[in-house]
Amino acid sequence: MDVEKIKNRLKIDHSEDDNLLTDLYQSAEFYIRTSVDSSLKTEDFSDVPIFEHAILLLVGHWYENRLAMSQDKSEEIPYGVLPLIQKMRGLNYENKATKK
């Protein structure tokens, strides 16, 4: 996803944090993907629309809580991300079971 789409989703109208947003997106993508199944590749989620949604929720949370004074909140996973991860785990398990 390009940085303009991320900024649009997060309602950010400046470009000072473009590199940060790109880094956060890549980190969130890795976090979500490996939380579902560490053997999967990003391409494996191409037909799973909630994958992008979970990533953007996490990017938004990390972006909003990036300052040192908000460190206590940064440890928490935002509401909605964990259920999306669990749903994707279920879909992955189901896909593996049907391929056997």
Protein backbone atom coordinates (compact mmCIF):
# COMPACT_ATOMS: atom_id res chain seq x y z
CA MET A 1 0.00 0.00 0.00
CA ASP A 2 1.38 3.40 -0.85
CA VAL A 3 1.89 6.08 1.77
CA GLU A 4 -0.85 8.32 0.33
CA LYS A 5 -3.47 5.63 0.97
CA ILE A 6 -2.19 5.19 4.52
CA LYS A 7 -2.33 8.94 5.13
CA ASN A 8 -5.83 9.14 3.67
CA ARG A 9 -7.03 6.34 5.93
CA LEU A 10 -5.44 7.95 9.01
CA LYS A 11 -6.54 11.48 8.04
CA ILE A 12 -2.98 12.82 7.85
CA ASP A 13 -2.55 15.80 5.53
CA HIS A 14 1.20 16.46 5.68
CA SER A 15 4.24 14.61 4.43
CA GLU A 16 6.65 15.03 7.35
CA ASP A 17 5.91 11.52 8.63
CA ASP A 18 5.89 9.64 5.32
CA ASN A 19 8.98 7.60 6.17
CA LEU A 20 7.64 6.83 9.63
CA LEU A 21 4.30 5.70 8.19
CA THR A 22 6.07 3.46 5.70
CA ASP A 23 8.14 1.90 8.50
CA LEU A 24 5.07 1.46 10.70
CA TYR A 25 3.16 -0.16 7.85
CA GLN A 26 5.96 -2.64 7.16
CA SER A 27 6.26 -3.47 10.86
CA ALA A 28 2.50 -3.88 11.26
CA GLU A 29 2.32 -6.08 8.18
CA PHE A 30 5.06 -8.32 9.59
CA TYR A 31 3.41 -8.38 13.03
CA ILE A 32 -0.02 -9.36 11.68
CA ARG A 33 1.32 -11.89 9.15
CA THR A 34 3.55 -13.69 11.65
CA SER A 35 0.83 -13.61 14.31
CA VAL A 36 -1.41 -15.55 11.94
CA ASP A 37 1.24 -18.02 10.75
CA SER A 38 4.96 -17.32 10.52
CA SER A 39 5.29 -19.55 7.45
CA LEU A 40 2.95 -17.37 5.36
CA LYS A 41 4.03 -14.69 2.92
CA THR A 42 2.29 -11.36 2.40
CA GLU A 43 1.00 -12.61 -0.97
CA ASP A 44 -0.92 -15.35 0.86
CA PHE A 45 -3.24 -12.64 2.19
CA SER A 46 -4.08 -11.11 -1.19
CA ASP A 47 -7.67 -12.37 -1.03
CA VAL A 48 -8.18 -11.59 2.69
CA PRO A 49 -9.54 -8.02 2.95
CA ILE A 50 -9.34 -7.92 6.75
CA PHE A 51 -5.55 -8.25 6.49
CA GLU A 52 -5.18 -4.63 5.28
CA HIS A 53 -7.74 -3.45 7.83
CA ALA A 54 -5.82 -5.05 10.71
CA ILE A 55 -2.56 -3.54 9.47
CA LEU A 56 -4.05 -0.06 9.24
CA LEU A 57 -5.59 -0.32 12.71
CA LEU A 58 -2.18 -1.19 14.11
CA VAL A 59 -0.40 1.53 12.11
CA GLY A 60 -2.89 4.10 13.37
CA HIS A 61 -2.42 2.97 16.96
CA TRP A 62 1.37 3.02 16.76
CA TYR A 63 1.35 6.40 15.01
CA GLU A 64 -0.94 8.01 17.58
CA ASN A 65 1.06 6.56 20.48
CA ARG A 66 4.58 7.16 19.17
CA LEU A 67 5.63 9.70 21.79
CA ALA A 68 7.50 8.65 24.91
CA MET A 69 4.81 10.10 27.17
CA SER A 70 2.26 7.66 25.73
CA GLN A 71 4.45 4.58 26.18
CA ASP A 72 1.99 2.92 28.55
CA LYS A 73 -0.64 2.75 25.79
CA SER A 74 1.78 1.58 23.11
CA GLU A 75 2.07 -1.86 24.70
CA GLU A 76 -1.62 -2.56 24.16
CA ILE A 77 -2.93 -3.97 20.91
CA PRO A 78 -5.83 -1.78 19.75
CA TYR A 79 -9.34 -3.13 19.99
CA GLY A 80 -10.26 -5.04 16.87
CA VAL A 81 -6.79 -6.24 15.85
CA LEU A 82 -6.75 -9.40 17.95
CA PRO A 83 -10.16 -10.64 16.72
CA LEU A 84 -9.03 -10.02 13.13
CA ILE A 85 -5.84 -12.01 13.75
CA GLN A 86 -7.89 -14.83 15.27
CA LYS A 87 -10.25 -14.83 12.29
CA MET A 88 -7.33 -15.02 9.87
CA ARG A 89 -5.82 -17.87 11.90
CA GLY A 90 -9.11 -19.72 11.55
CA LEU A 91 -9.21 -19.11 7.81
CA ASN A 92 -5.60 -20.27 7.49
CA TYR A 93 -6.33 -23.42 9.50
CA GLU A 94 -9.39 -24.11 7.36
CA ASN A 95 -7.38 -23.62 4.14
CA LYS A 96 -4.68 -26.01 5.33
CA ALA A 97 -7.29 -28.62 6.34
CA THR A 98 -9.02 -28.54 2.95
CA LYS A 99 -5.70 -28.92 1.09
CA LYS A 100 -4.89 -32.22 2.84
